[in-house]
Amino acid sequence: MVKIAAKVRKWGNSFGIIIPQEVIKRKGIREGEEIDAIVLKKSNVLRETFGTVKFKKSTEQMMRETDKGLYDI
């Protein structure tokens, strides 16, 4: 499996992506062959998957508490 980042471009009434030549050569892809692709939208993937969490304490305060508990700093 190869992971690439690509911009979606309009082709006629459809959208498409460009597969880099390096990947085509490495995988031996030929014109007309079918491939499997996993499509993930880059923005908000973590938020959509895990949701949002609001903490009462700041990240810096939680880090200080963690350091104090682990290292007695």
PDB file of N, CA and C in Angstrom:
ATOM      1  N   MET A   1       0.852  -1.184   0.000  1.00  0.00           N
ATOM      2  CA  MET A   1       0.000   0.000   0.000  1.00  0.00           C
ATOM      3  C   MET A   1       0.887   1.233   0.000  1.00  0.00           C
ATOM      4  N   VAL A   2       0.498   2.222  -0.758  1.00  0.00           N
ATOM      5  CA  VAL A   2       1.226   3.474  -0.851  1.00  0.00           C
ATOM      6  C   VAL A   2       0.282   4.602  -0.474  1.00  0.00           C
ATOM      7  N   LYS A   3       0.741   5.496   0.391  1.00  0.00           N
ATOM      8  CA  LYS A   3      -0.078   6.642   0.782  1.00  0.00           C
ATOM      9  C   LYS A   3       0.429   7.864   0.029  1.00  0.00           C
ATOM     10  N   ILE A   4      -0.479   8.568  -0.630  1.00  0.00           N
ATOM     11  CA  ILE A   4      -0.126   9.806  -1.327  1.00  0.00           C
ATOM     12  C   ILE A   4      -1.126  10.885  -0.941  1.00  0.00           C
ATOM     13  N   ALA A   5      -0.703  12.117  -1.083  1.00  0.00           N
ATOM     14  CA  ALA A   5      -1.611  13.253  -0.920  1.00  0.00           C
ATOM     15  C   ALA A   5      -1.864  13.807  -2.313  1.00  0.00           C
ATOM     16  N   ALA A   6      -3.096  14.083  -2.638  1.00  0.00           N
ATOM     17  CA  ALA A   6      -3.425  14.560  -3.988  1.00  0.00           C
ATOM     18  C   ALA A   6      -4.518  15.612  -3.914  1.00  0.00           C
ATOM     19  N   LYS A   7      -4.492  16.533  -4.866  1.00  0.00           N
ATOM     20  CA  LYS A   7      -5.558  17.527  -4.979  1.00  0.00           C
ATOM     21  C   LYS A   7      -6.596  17.015  -5.957  1.00  0.00           C
ATOM     22  N   VAL A   8      -7.848  17.206  -5.621  1.00  0.00           N
ATOM     23  CA  VAL A   8      -8.942  16.801  -6.495  1.00  0.00           C
ATOM     24  C   VAL A   8      -9.096  17.863  -7.578  1.00  0.00           C
ATOM     25  N   ARG A   9      -9.229  17.408  -8.815  1.00  0.00           N
ATOM     26  CA  ARG A   9      -9.394  18.324  -9.946  1.00  0.00           C
ATOM     27  C   ARG A   9     -10.620  17.931 -10.755  1.00  0.00           C
ATOM     28  N   LYS A  10     -11.257  18.924 -11.338  1.00  0.00           N
ATOM     29  CA  LYS A  10     -12.451  18.671 -12.136  1.00  0.00           C
ATOM     30  C   LYS A  10     -12.044  18.207 -13.531  1.00  0.00           C
ATOM     31  N   TRP A  11     -12.629  17.092 -13.977  1.00  0.00           N
ATOM     32  CA  TRP A  11     -12.427  16.549 -15.319  1.00  0.00           C
ATOM     33  C   TRP A  11     -13.795  16.327 -15.923  1.00  0.00           C
ATOM     34  N   GLY A  12     -14.238  17.243 -16.774  1.00  0.00           N
ATOM     35  CA  GLY A  12     -15.577  17.144 -17.350  1.00  0.00           C
ATOM     36  C   GLY A  12     -16.619  17.279 -16.268  1.00  0.00           C
ATOM     37  N   ASN A  13     -17.504  16.281 -16.158  1.00  0.00           N
ATOM     38  CA  ASN A  13     -18.525  16.283 -15.116  1.00  0.00           C
ATOM     39  C   ASN A  13     -18.097  15.509 -13.882  1.00  0.00           C
ATOM     40  N   SER A  14     -16.850  15.074 -13.830  1.00  0.00           N
ATOM     41  CA  SER A  14     -16.338  14.264 -12.727  1.00  0.00           C
ATOM     42  C   SER A  14     -15.182  14.975 -12.034  1.00  0.00           C
ATOM     43  N   PHE A  15     -14.666  14.339 -11.015  1.00  0.00           N
ATOM     44  CA  PHE A  15     -13.461  14.793 -10.343  1.00  0.00           C
ATOM     45  C   PHE A  15     -12.431  13.680 -10.436  1.00  0.00           C
ATOM     46  N   GLY A  16     -11.153  14.040 -10.384  1.00  0.00           N
ATOM     47  CA  GLY A  16     -10.097  13.039 -10.462  1.00  0.00           C
ATOM     48  C   GLY A  16      -8.883  13.467  -9.667  1.00  0.00           C
ATOM     49  N   ILE A  17      -7.963  12.533  -9.483  1.00  0.00           N
ATOM     50  CA  ILE A  17      -6.696  12.816  -8.817  1.00  0.00           C
ATOM     51  C   ILE A  17      -5.564  12.344  -9.726  1.00  0.00           C
ATOM     52  N   ILE A  18      -4.389  12.879  -9.501  1.00  0.00           N
ATOM     53  CA  ILE A  18      -3.200  12.479 -10.235  1.00  0.00           C
ATOM     54  C   ILE A  18      -2.407  11.518  -9.358  1.00  0.00           C
ATOM     55  N   ILE A  19      -2.040  10.376  -9.913  1.00  0.00           N
ATOM     56  CA  ILE A  19      -1.163   9.437  -9.209  1.00  0.00           C
ATOM     57  C   ILE A  19       0.257   9.729  -9.681  1.00  0.00           C
ATOM     58  N   PRO A  20       1.178  10.032  -8.754  1.00  0.00           N
ATOM     59  CA  PRO A  20       2.538  10.367  -9.157  1.00  0.00           C
ATOM     60  C   PRO A  20       3.207   9.247  -9.962  1.00  0.00           C
ATOM     61  N   GLN A  21       4.039   9.630 -10.928  1.00  0.00           N
ATOM     62  CA  GLN A  21       4.736   8.680 -11.799  1.00  0.00           C
ATOM     63  C   GLN A  21       5.546   7.664 -10.997  1.00  0.00           C
ATOM     64  N   GLU A  22       6.173   8.115  -9.925  1.00  0.00           N
ATOM     65  CA  GLU A  22       6.967   7.221  -9.061  1.00  0.00           C
ATOM     66  C   GLU A  22       6.116   6.066  -8.530  1.00  0.00           C
ATOM     67  N   VAL A  23       4.890   6.366  -8.111  1.00  0.00           N
ATOM     68  CA  VAL A  23       3.984   5.339  -7.587  1.00  0.00           C
ATOM     69  C   VAL A  23       3.536   4.411  -8.712  1.00  0.00           C
ATOM     70  N   ILE A  24       3.260   4.965  -9.871  1.00  0.00           N
ATOM     71  CA  ILE A  24       2.839   4.157 -11.020  1.00  0.00           C
ATOM     72  C   ILE A  24       3.922   3.149 -11.378  1.00  0.00           C
ATOM     73  N   LYS A  25       5.171   3.613 -11.418  1.00  0.00           N
ATOM     74  CA  LYS A  25       6.287   2.709 -11.736  1.00  0.00           C
ATOM     75  C   LYS A  25       6.487   1.658 -10.652  1.00  0.00           C
ATOM     76  N   ARG A  26       6.475   2.092  -9.390  1.00  0.00           N
ATOM     77  CA  ARG A  26       6.714   1.169  -8.272  1.00  0.00           C
ATOM     78  C   ARG A  26       5.662   0.063  -8.209  1.00  0.00           C
ATOM     79  N   LYS A  27       4.409   0.425  -8.479  1.00  0.00           N
ATOM     80  CA  LYS A  27       3.312  -0.543  -8.395  1.00  0.00           C
ATOM     81  C   LYS A  27       3.016  -1.227  -9.727  1.00  0.00           C
ATOM     82  N   GLY A  28       3.666  -0.773 -10.799  1.00  0.00           N
ATOM     83  CA  GLY A  28       3.436  -1.393 -12.110  1.00  0.00           C
ATOM     84  C   GLY A  28       2.024  -1.182 -12.629  1.00  0.00           C
ATOM     85  N   ILE A  29       1.480  -0.002 -12.387  1.00  0.00           N
ATOM     86  CA  ILE A  29       0.111   0.311 -12.824  1.00  0.00           C
ATOM     87  C   ILE A  29       0.131   0.662 -14.304  1.00  0.00           C
ATOM     88  N   ARG A  30      -0.828   0.106 -15.042  1.00  0.00           N
ATOM     89  CA  ARG A  30      -0.940   0.390 -16.482  1.00  0.00           C
ATOM     90  C   ARG A  30      -2.295   1.039 -16.767  1.00  0.00           C
ATOM     91  N   GLU A  31      -2.354   1.792 -17.855  1.00  0.00           N
ATOM     92  CA  GLU A  31      -3.597   2.440 -18.256  1.00  0.00           C
ATOM     93  C   GLU A  31      -4.694   1.404 -18.444  1.00  0.00           C
ATOM     94  N   GLY A  32      -5.863   1.700 -17.920  1.00  0.00           N
ATOM     95  CA  GLY A  32      -7.005   0.802 -18.052  1.00  0.00           C
ATOM     96  C   GLY A  32      -7.141  -0.187 -16.908  1.00  0.00           C
ATOM     97  N   GLU A  33      -6.094  -0.350 -16.095  1.00  0.00           N
ATOM     98  CA  GLU A  33      -6.174  -1.265 -14.952  1.00  0.00           C
ATOM     99  C   GLU A  33      -7.062  -0.666 -13.870  1.00  0.00           C
ATOM    100  N   GLU A  34      -7.717  -1.538 -13.133  1.00  0.00           N
ATOM    101  CA  GLU A  34      -8.503  -1.098 -11.987  1.00  0.00           C
ATOM    102  C   GLU A  34      -7.620  -1.126 -10.762  1.00  0.00           C
ATOM    103  N   ILE A  35      -7.783  -0.116  -9.913  1.00  0.00           N
ATOM    104  CA  ILE A  35      -7.049  -0.059  -8.651  1.00  0.00           C
ATOM    105  C   ILE A  35      -8.049   0.175  -7.530  1.00  0.00           C
ATOM    106  N   ASP A  36      -7.657  -0.143  -6.316  1.00  0.00           N
ATOM    107  CA  ASP A  36      -8.451   0.182  -5.132  1.00  0.00           C
ATOM    108  C   ASP A  36      -7.871   1.447  -4.524  1.00  0.00           C
ATOM    109  N   ALA A  37      -8.733   2.331  -4.072  1.00  0.00           N
ATOM    110  CA  ALA A  37      -8.288   3.565  -3.434  1.00  0.00           C
ATOM    111  C   ALA A  37      -9.120   3.801  -2.179  1.00  0.00           C
ATOM    112  N   ILE A  38      -8.469   4.276  -1.145  1.00  0.00           N
ATOM    113  CA  ILE A  38      -9.161   4.674   0.078  1.00  0.00           C
ATOM    114  C   ILE A  38      -9.163   6.195   0.082  1.00  0.00           C
ATOM    115  N   VAL A  39     -10.326   6.799   0.165  1.00  0.00           N
ATOM    116  CA  VAL A  39     -10.446   8.249   0.087  1.00  0.00           C
ATOM    117  C   VAL A  39     -10.779   8.792   1.470  1.00  0.00           C
ATOM    118  N   LEU A  40      -9.916   9.670   1.967  1.00  0.00           N
ATOM    119  CA  LEU A  40     -10.129  10.340   3.240  1.00  0.00           C
ATOM    120  C   LEU A  40      -9.983  11.834   3.015  1.00  0.00           C
ATOM    121  N   LYS A  41     -10.920  12.591   3.484  1.00  0.00           N
ATOM    122  CA  LYS A  41     -10.812  14.045   3.393  1.00  0.00           C
ATOM    123  C   LYS A  41      -9.846  14.499   4.471  1.00  0.00           C
ATOM    124  N   LYS A  42      -8.842  15.287   4.106  1.00  0.00           N
ATOM    125  CA  LYS A  42      -7.797  15.671   5.039  1.00  0.00           C
ATOM    126  C   LYS A  42      -8.295  16.480   6.227  1.00  0.00           C
ATOM    127  N   SER A  43      -9.122  17.463   5.994  1.00  0.00           N
ATOM    128  CA  SER A  43      -9.515  18.345   7.078  1.00  0.00           C
ATOM    129  C   SER A  43     -10.503  17.670   8.018  1.00  0.00           C
ATOM    130  N   ASN A  44     -10.278  17.849   9.281  1.00  0.00           N
ATOM    131  CA  ASN A  44     -11.170  17.398  10.356  1.00  0.00           C
ATOM    132  C   ASN A  44     -11.329  15.885  10.458  1.00  0.00           C
ATOM    133  N   VAL A  45     -10.389  15.104   9.945  1.00  0.00           N
ATOM    134  CA  VAL A  45     -10.514  13.652  10.039  1.00  0.00           C
ATOM    135  C   VAL A  45     -10.514  13.216  11.492  1.00  0.00           C
ATOM    136  N   LEU A  46      -9.604  13.749  12.295  1.00  0.00           N
ATOM    137  CA  LEU A  46      -9.565  13.373  13.714  1.00  0.00           C
ATOM    138  C   LEU A  46     -10.818  13.835  14.439  1.00  0.00           C
ATOM    139  N   ARG A  47     -11.255  15.054  14.141  1.00  0.00           N
ATOM    140  CA  ARG A  47     -12.445  15.584  14.807  1.00  0.00           C
ATOM    141  C   ARG A  47     -13.680  14.767  14.435  1.00  0.00           C
ATOM    142  N   GLU A  48     -13.799  14.393  13.163  1.00  0.00           N
ATOM    143  CA  GLU A  48     -14.954  13.608  12.723  1.00  0.00           C
ATOM    144  C   GLU A  48     -14.919  12.204  13.328  1.00  0.00           C
ATOM    145  N   THR A  49     -13.723  11.674  13.503  1.00  0.00           N
ATOM    146  CA  THR A  49     -13.590  10.324  14.042  1.00  0.00           C
ATOM    147  C   THR A  49     -13.799  10.292  15.552  1.00  0.00           C
ATOM    148  N   PHE A  50     -13.154  11.216  16.250  1.00  0.00           N
ATOM    149  CA  PHE A  50     -13.150  11.168  17.711  1.00  0.00           C
ATOM    150  C   PHE A  50     -13.996  12.243  18.380  1.00  0.00           C
ATOM    151  N   GLY A  51     -14.452  13.218  17.630  1.00  0.00           N
ATOM    152  CA  GLY A  51     -15.244  14.302  18.213  1.00  0.00           C
ATOM    153  C   GLY A  51     -14.341  15.337  18.858  1.00  0.00           C
ATOM    154  N   THR A  52     -14.940  16.263  19.565  1.00  0.00           N
ATOM    155  CA  THR A  52     -14.150  17.288  20.251  1.00  0.00           C
ATOM    156  C   THR A  52     -14.275  17.103  21.747  1.00  0.00           C
ATOM    157  N   VAL A  53     -13.208  17.443  22.429  1.00  0.00           N
ATOM    158  CA  VAL A  53     -13.172  17.329  23.888  1.00  0.00           C
ATOM    159  C   VAL A  53     -12.772  18.686  24.437  1.00  0.00           C
ATOM    160  N   LYS A  54     -13.504  19.171  25.408  1.00  0.00           N
ATOM    161  CA  LYS A  54     -13.167  20.433  26.050  1.00  0.00           C
ATOM    162  C   LYS A  54     -12.736  20.127  27.472  1.00  0.00           C
ATOM    163  N   PHE A  55     -11.534  20.579  27.809  1.00  0.00           N
ATOM    164  CA  PHE A  55     -10.984  20.346  29.137  1.00  0.00           C
ATOM    165  C   PHE A  55     -11.167  21.577  30.001  1.00  0.00           C
ATOM    166  N   LYS A  56     -11.263  21.367  31.306  1.00  0.00           N
ATOM    167  CA  LYS A  56     -11.385  22.482  32.231  1.00  0.00           C
ATOM    168  C   LYS A  56     -10.034  23.126  32.483  1.00  0.00           C
ATOM    169  N   LYS A  57      -8.945  22.331  32.325  1.00  0.00           N
ATOM    170  CA  LYS A  57      -7.597  22.826  32.561  1.00  0.00           C
ATOM    171  C   LYS A  57      -6.893  23.030  31.220  1.00  0.00           C
ATOM    172  N   SER A  58      -5.914  23.937  31.229  1.00  0.00           N
ATOM    173  CA  SER A  58      -5.136  24.155  30.014  1.00  0.00           C
ATOM    174  C   SER A  58      -4.170  22.996  29.805  1.00  0.00           C
ATOM    175  N   THR A  59      -3.705  22.836  28.581  1.00  0.00           N
ATOM    176  CA  THR A  59      -2.741  21.783  28.272  1.00  0.00           C
ATOM    177  C   THR A  59      -1.478  21.973  29.105  1.00  0.00           C
ATOM    178  N   GLU A  60      -1.027  23.215  29.223  1.00  0.00           N
ATOM    179  CA  GLU A  60       0.184  23.497  29.998  1.00  0.00           C
ATOM    180  C   GLU A  60       0.018  23.075  31.457  1.00  0.00           C
ATOM    181  N   GLN A  61      -1.134  23.354  32.037  1.00  0.00           N
ATOM    182  CA  GLN A  61      -1.387  22.983  33.429  1.00  0.00           C
ATOM    183  C   GLN A  61      -1.424  21.458  33.582  1.00  0.00           C
ATOM    184  N   MET A  62      -2.060  20.759  32.657  1.00  0.00           N
ATOM    185  CA  MET A  62      -2.100  19.295  32.721  1.00  0.00           C
ATOM    186  C   MET A  62      -0.705  18.699  32.580  1.00  0.00           C
ATOM    187  N   MET A  63       0.134  19.300  31.707  1.00  0.00           N
ATOM    188  CA  MET A  63       1.504  18.814  31.534  1.00  0.00           C
ATOM    189  C   MET A  63       2.313  19.006  32.816  1.00  0.00           C
ATOM    190  N   ARG A  64       2.157  20.172  33.469  1.00  0.00           N
ATOM    191  CA  ARG A  64       2.866  20.404  34.735  1.00  0.00           C
ATOM    192  C   ARG A  64       2.451  19.388  35.785  1.00  0.00           C
ATOM    193  N   GLU A  65       1.162  19.094  35.887  1.00  0.00           N
ATOM    194  CA  GLU A  65       0.653  18.108  36.858  1.00  0.00           C
ATOM    195  C   GLU A  65       1.193  16.712  36.556  1.00  0.00           C
ATOM    196  N   THR A  66       1.266  16.385  35.265  1.00  0.00           N
ATOM    197  CA  THR A  66       1.804  15.080  34.864  1.00  0.00           C
ATOM    198  C   THR A  66       3.274  14.979  35.231  1.00  0.00           C
ATOM    199  N   ASP A  67       4.051  16.040  34.922  1.00  0.00           N
ATOM    200  CA  ASP A  67       5.471  16.051  35.270  1.00  0.00           C
ATOM    201  C   ASP A  67       5.677  15.910  36.774  1.00  0.00           C
ATOM    202  N   LYS A  68       4.856  16.613  37.552  1.00  0.00           N
ATOM    203  CA  LYS A  68       4.973  16.554  39.018  1.00  0.00           C
ATOM    204  C   LYS A  68       4.678  15.147  39.511  1.00  0.00           C
ATOM    205  N   GLY A  69       3.651  14.503  38.946  1.00  0.00           N
ATOM    206  CA  GLY A  69       3.308  13.147  39.350  1.00  0.00           C
ATOM    207  C   GLY A  69       4.352  12.106  38.941  1.00  0.00           C
ATOM    208  N   LEU A  70       4.916  12.282  37.758  1.00  0.00           N
ATOM    209  CA  LEU A  70       5.904  11.302  37.261  1.00  0.00           C
ATOM    210  C   LEU A  70       7.306  11.551  37.793  1.00  0.00           C
ATOM    211  N   TYR A  71       7.709  12.814  37.843  1.00  0.00           N
ATOM    212  CA  TYR A  71       9.098  13.131  38.138  1.00  0.00           C
ATOM    213  C   TYR A  71       9.270  13.919  39.417  1.00  0.00           C
ATOM    214  N   ASP A  72       8.194  14.193  40.115  1.00  0.00           N
ATOM    215  CA  ASP A  72       8.214  14.981  41.351  1.00  0.00           C
ATOM    216  C   ASP A  72       8.935  16.311  41.153  1.00  0.00           C
ATOM    217  N   ILE A  73       8.571  16.990  40.038  1.00  0.00           N
ATOM    218  CA  ILE A  73       9.201  18.273  39.690  1.00  0.00           C
ATOM    219  C   ILE A  73       8.374  19.408  40.273  1.00  0.00           C
TER     220      ILE A  73
END
